[in-house]
Amino acid sequence: MSEQYQKGWALVETLLALVILFFLMATLIPLTLTMKQQVVEKQKQVHAAEVAFSGALKYKRYGEVNGQQQIDDVFYTWNIASGALCVTYEFDGVNKELCV
């Protein structure tokens, strides 16, 4: 008894595989973009914290109450008022502020 084996995929199997790949990509691409945006935002917050620390050191050593620092083409401005140190910076066209 001889059996014939099909070589390759049938049209239905190919279409099913393409549909599955399409749904996976449609889910993963927006998720990846959202995660990348969140990572960039957290990075800006870390830089703002570094600038706040640097500003606190300058305040303690030299009595400076404001200043500006540039990291990765973003300007971080720090200011000490009413006992709080605040750092302002721009992220996606919106001014953000971190106060310590």
N, C-alpha and C. Protein backbone atom coordinates (compact mmCIF):
# COMPACT_ATOMS: atom_id res chain seq x y z
N MET A 1 0.84 -1.17 0.00
CA MET A 1 0.00 0.00 0.00
C MET A 1 0.90 1.24 0.00
N SER A 2 0.72 2.07 -0.96
CA SER A 2 1.55 3.27 -1.04
C SER A 2 0.73 4.48 -0.63
N GLU A 3 1.36 5.31 0.18
CA GLU A 3 0.69 6.53 0.63
C GLU A 3 1.34 7.72 -0.06
N GLN A 4 0.50 8.67 -0.41
CA GLN A 4 1.03 9.89 -1.00
C GLN A 4 1.08 10.95 0.08
N TYR A 5 2.17 11.64 0.13
CA TYR A 5 2.33 12.74 1.09
C TYR A 5 2.23 14.05 0.33
N GLN A 6 1.51 14.98 0.95
CA GLN A 6 1.42 16.30 0.34
C GLN A 6 2.67 17.09 0.69
N LYS A 7 3.18 17.78 -0.26
CA LYS A 7 4.33 18.64 0.00
C LYS A 7 3.84 20.07 0.04
N GLY A 8 4.27 20.82 1.05
CA GLY A 8 3.85 22.20 1.19
C GLY A 8 2.56 22.32 1.99
N TRP A 9 2.06 23.54 2.04
CA TRP A 9 0.86 23.81 2.83
C TRP A 9 -0.32 24.06 1.91
N ALA A 10 -1.46 23.74 2.41
CA ALA A 10 -2.68 24.03 1.67
C ALA A 10 -3.02 25.51 1.84
N LEU A 11 -3.88 26.02 1.01
CA LEU A 11 -4.25 27.43 1.05
C LEU A 11 -4.88 27.80 2.39
N VAL A 12 -5.73 26.94 2.93
CA VAL A 12 -6.40 27.23 4.20
C VAL A 12 -5.39 27.31 5.33
N GLU A 13 -4.44 26.43 5.36
CA GLU A 13 -3.41 26.45 6.40
C GLU A 13 -2.56 27.71 6.30
N THR A 14 -2.23 28.11 5.10
CA THR A 14 -1.43 29.32 4.89
C THR A 14 -2.19 30.55 5.36
N LEU A 15 -3.46 30.65 4.98
CA LEU A 15 -4.27 31.79 5.40
C LEU A 15 -4.44 31.83 6.92
N LEU A 16 -4.63 30.67 7.54
CA LEU A 16 -4.76 30.61 8.99
C LEU A 16 -3.47 31.07 9.67
N ALA A 17 -2.35 30.65 9.17
CA ALA A 17 -1.06 31.08 9.73
C ALA A 17 -0.89 32.59 9.57
N LEU A 18 -1.26 33.14 8.43
CA LEU A 18 -1.15 34.58 8.21
C LEU A 18 -2.07 35.37 9.13
N VAL A 19 -3.28 34.88 9.35
CA VAL A 19 -4.22 35.55 10.26
C VAL A 19 -3.67 35.55 11.68
N ILE A 20 -3.13 34.44 12.12
CA ILE A 20 -2.55 34.36 13.46
C ILE A 20 -1.38 35.33 13.59
N LEU A 21 -0.51 35.37 12.61
CA LEU A 21 0.62 36.30 12.64
C LEU A 21 0.14 37.75 12.63
N PHE A 22 -0.89 38.05 11.88
CA PHE A 22 -1.43 39.40 11.84
C PHE A 22 -1.93 39.83 13.22
N PHE A 23 -2.70 38.96 13.88
CA PHE A 23 -3.21 39.30 15.21
C PHE A 23 -2.09 39.44 16.24
N LEU A 24 -1.07 38.61 16.14
CA LEU A 24 0.08 38.75 17.06
C LEU A 24 0.78 40.08 16.86
N MET A 25 1.02 40.45 15.62
CA MET A 25 1.69 41.71 15.34
C MET A 25 0.83 42.91 15.71
N ALA A 26 -0.48 42.79 15.46
CA ALA A 26 -1.39 43.89 15.81
C ALA A 26 -1.44 44.11 17.32
N THR A 27 -1.13 43.10 18.09
CA THR A 27 -1.11 43.23 19.54
C THR A 27 0.26 43.68 20.04
N LEU A 28 1.32 43.12 19.49
CA LEU A 28 2.66 43.38 20.01
C LEU A 28 3.22 44.75 19.63
N ILE A 29 2.92 45.25 18.46
CA ILE A 29 3.48 46.54 18.03
C ILE A 29 3.00 47.69 18.92
N PRO A 30 1.70 47.86 19.17
CA PRO A 30 1.28 48.94 20.07
C PRO A 30 1.81 48.76 21.49
N LEU A 31 1.87 47.51 21.95
CA LEU A 31 2.39 47.24 23.28
C LEU A 31 3.86 47.66 23.38
N THR A 32 4.63 47.34 22.36
CA THR A 32 6.04 47.72 22.33
C THR A 32 6.21 49.23 22.32
N LEU A 33 5.41 49.93 21.52
CA LEU A 33 5.50 51.38 21.46
C LEU A 33 5.13 52.02 22.80
N THR A 34 4.11 51.49 23.46
CA THR A 34 3.71 52.01 24.77
C THR A 34 4.82 51.79 25.79
N MET A 35 5.42 50.62 25.78
CA MET A 35 6.51 50.32 26.72
C MET A 35 7.70 51.23 26.46
N LYS A 36 8.01 51.49 25.21
CA LYS A 36 9.13 52.37 24.88
C LYS A 36 8.86 53.78 25.39
N GLN A 37 7.63 54.26 25.23
CA GLN A 37 7.25 55.59 25.72
C GLN A 37 7.39 55.67 27.24
N GLN A 38 6.98 54.62 27.93
CA GLN A 38 7.09 54.59 29.39
C GLN A 38 8.54 54.58 29.84
N VAL A 39 9.39 53.87 29.12
CA VAL A 39 10.81 53.82 29.46
C VAL A 39 11.44 55.20 29.30
N VAL A 40 11.10 55.90 28.23
CA VAL A 40 11.64 57.24 27.99
C VAL A 40 11.16 58.19 29.09
N GLU A 41 9.89 58.08 29.49
CA GLU A 41 9.37 58.95 30.55
C GLU A 41 10.07 58.67 31.88
N LYS A 42 10.29 57.41 32.20
CA LYS A 42 11.01 57.07 33.44
C LYS A 42 12.45 57.57 33.39
N GLN A 43 13.07 57.52 32.23
CA GLN A 43 14.43 58.02 32.07
C GLN A 43 14.49 59.52 32.35
N LYS A 44 13.50 60.26 31.84
CA LYS A 44 13.45 61.71 32.10
C LYS A 44 13.26 61.98 33.59
N GLN A 45 12.45 61.17 34.27
CA GLN A 45 12.24 61.34 35.70
C GLN A 45 13.52 61.06 36.48
N VAL A 46 14.29 60.07 36.05
CA VAL A 46 15.56 59.77 36.70
C VAL A 46 16.54 60.93 36.51
N HIS A 47 16.56 61.48 35.31
CA HIS A 47 17.43 62.63 35.06
C HIS A 47 17.02 63.82 35.92
N ALA A 48 15.70 64.01 36.08
CA ALA A 48 15.21 65.11 36.93
C ALA A 48 15.65 64.89 38.38
N ALA A 49 15.63 63.65 38.84
CA ALA A 49 16.08 63.35 40.20
C ALA A 49 17.57 63.62 40.35
N GLU A 50 18.35 63.30 39.33
CA GLU A 50 19.79 63.59 39.35
C GLU A 50 20.04 65.10 39.42
N VAL A 51 19.26 65.86 38.66
CA VAL A 51 19.41 67.32 38.67
C VAL A 51 19.00 67.87 40.04
N ALA A 52 17.97 67.29 40.63
CA ALA A 52 17.54 67.73 41.97
C ALA A 52 18.66 67.47 42.99
N PHE A 53 19.29 66.34 42.90
CA PHE A 53 20.40 66.03 43.80
C PHE A 53 21.55 67.01 43.59
N SER A 54 21.87 67.26 42.33
CA SER A 54 22.94 68.22 42.02
C SER A 54 22.58 69.61 42.52
N GLY A 55 21.31 70.00 42.36
CA GLY A 55 20.86 71.30 42.85
C GLY A 55 20.95 71.40 44.35
N ALA A 56 20.62 70.31 45.05
CA ALA A 56 20.72 70.30 46.52
C ALA A 56 22.16 70.46 46.96
N LEU A 57 23.06 69.83 46.26
CA LEU A 57 24.49 69.98 46.59
C LEU A 57 24.96 71.42 46.36
N LYS A 58 24.54 72.01 45.24
CA LYS A 58 24.94 73.40 44.96
C LYS A 58 24.34 74.37 45.98
N TYR A 59 23.12 74.08 46.42
CA TYR A 59 22.49 74.93 47.43
C TYR A 59 23.26 74.84 48.76
N LYS A 60 23.62 73.62 49.13
CA LYS A 60 24.32 73.43 50.40
C LYS A 60 25.74 74.01 50.36
N ARG A 61 26.44 73.80 49.26
CA ARG A 61 27.84 74.24 49.19
C ARG A 61 27.99 75.73 48.87
N TYR A 62 27.19 76.21 47.91
CA TYR A 62 27.41 77.56 47.41
C TYR A 62 26.24 78.51 47.67
N GLY A 63 25.15 78.02 48.19
CA GLY A 63 24.00 78.87 48.45
C GLY A 63 23.18 79.21 47.22
N GLU A 64 23.40 78.53 46.11
CA GLU A 64 22.63 78.78 44.90
C GLU A 64 21.19 78.30 45.09
N VAL A 65 20.22 79.07 44.62
CA VAL A 65 18.82 78.69 44.79
C VAL A 65 18.14 78.31 43.48
N ASN A 66 18.85 78.44 42.35
CA ASN A 66 18.28 77.99 41.08
C ASN A 66 19.41 77.71 40.10
N GLY A 67 19.07 76.96 39.08
CA GLY A 67 20.06 76.62 38.07
C GLY A 67 19.43 75.82 36.96
N GLN A 68 20.25 75.49 35.99
CA GLN A 68 19.77 74.74 34.84
C GLN A 68 20.84 73.76 34.41
N GLN A 69 20.39 72.60 33.96
CA GLN A 69 21.31 71.57 33.49
C GLN A 69 20.71 70.91 32.26
N GLN A 70 21.54 70.58 31.29
CA GLN A 70 21.07 69.94 30.07
C GLN A 70 21.58 68.51 30.03
N ILE A 71 20.63 67.58 29.84
CA ILE A 71 20.97 66.17 29.70
C ILE A 71 20.20 65.64 28.49
N ASP A 72 20.91 65.05 27.55
CA ASP A 72 20.29 64.49 26.34
C ASP A 72 19.37 65.48 25.63
N ASP A 73 19.84 66.68 25.42
CA ASP A 73 19.11 67.72 24.70
C ASP A 73 17.82 68.16 25.41
N VAL A 74 17.69 67.90 26.69
CA VAL A 74 16.55 68.35 27.47
C VAL A 74 17.08 69.25 28.58
N PHE A 75 16.47 70.42 28.73
CA PHE A 75 16.89 71.35 29.78
C PHE A 75 16.06 71.09 31.04
N TYR A 76 16.76 70.87 32.14
CA TYR A 76 16.15 70.68 33.45
C TYR A 76 16.48 71.92 34.28
N THR A 77 15.45 72.59 34.76
CA THR A 77 15.63 73.80 35.55
C THR A 77 15.23 73.50 36.98
N TRP A 78 16.12 73.79 37.92
CA TRP A 78 15.81 73.56 39.31
C TRP A 78 15.71 74.88 40.05
N ASN A 79 14.87 74.86 41.09
CA ASN A 79 14.62 76.07 41.87
C ASN A 79 14.27 75.66 43.30
N ILE A 80 14.81 76.39 44.27
CA ILE A 80 14.49 76.14 45.67
C ILE A 80 13.65 77.30 46.17
N ALA A 81 12.43 76.99 46.62
CA ALA A 81 11.54 78.00 47.16
C ALA A 81 10.68 77.36 48.25
N SER A 82 10.50 78.08 49.34
CA SER A 82 9.67 77.60 50.46
C SER A 82 10.13 76.25 50.99
N GLY A 83 11.41 76.01 50.97
CA GLY A 83 11.96 74.77 51.51
C GLY A 83 11.82 73.56 50.61
N ALA A 84 11.30 73.73 49.39
CA ALA A 84 11.15 72.61 48.46
C ALA A 84 12.03 72.84 47.24
N LEU A 85 12.63 71.79 46.77
CA LEU A 85 13.45 71.85 45.56
C LEU A 85 12.62 71.24 44.43
N CYS A 86 12.36 72.02 43.41
CA CYS A 86 11.55 71.56 42.27
C CYS A 86 12.37 71.62 40.98
N VAL A 87 12.22 70.58 40.19
CA VAL A 87 12.88 70.49 38.89
C VAL A 87 11.79 70.46 37.82
N THR A 88 11.88 71.36 36.84
CA THR A 88 10.94 71.37 35.74
C THR A 88 11.66 70.99 34.44
N TYR A 89 10.95 70.28 33.58
CA TYR A 89 11.50 69.87 32.30
C TYR A 89 10.34 69.63 31.34
N GLU A 90 10.64 69.53 30.07
CA GLU A 90 9.61 69.32 29.06
C GLU A 90 9.67 67.89 28.55
N PHE A 91 8.50 67.26 28.48
CA PHE A 91 8.40 65.89 27.95
C PHE A 91 7.17 65.82 27.05
N ASP A 92 7.37 65.51 25.80
CA ASP A 92 6.30 65.43 24.80
C ASP A 92 5.49 66.71 24.73
N GLY A 93 6.15 67.84 24.81
CA GLY A 93 5.48 69.13 24.69
C GLY A 93 4.74 69.57 25.94
N VAL A 94 4.87 68.82 27.02
CA VAL A 94 4.20 69.14 28.28
C VAL A 94 5.27 69.41 29.33
N ASN A 95 5.10 70.49 30.09
CA ASN A 95 6.02 70.78 31.17
C ASN A 95 5.73 69.89 32.36
N LYS A 96 6.75 69.18 32.82
CA LYS A 96 6.63 68.29 33.97
C LYS A 96 7.41 68.89 35.12
N GLU A 97 7.05 68.52 36.34
CA GLU A 97 7.73 69.04 37.51
C GLU A 97 7.91 67.93 38.53
N LEU A 98 9.10 67.89 39.11
CA LEU A 98 9.42 66.96 40.17
C LEU A 98 9.86 67.77 41.37
N CYS A 99 9.14 67.67 42.46
CA CYS A 99 9.47 68.42 43.69
C CYS A 99 9.89 67.45 44.79
N VAL A 100 10.92 67.87 45.51
CA VAL A 100 11.43 67.07 46.62
C VAL A 100 11.33 67.85 47.88
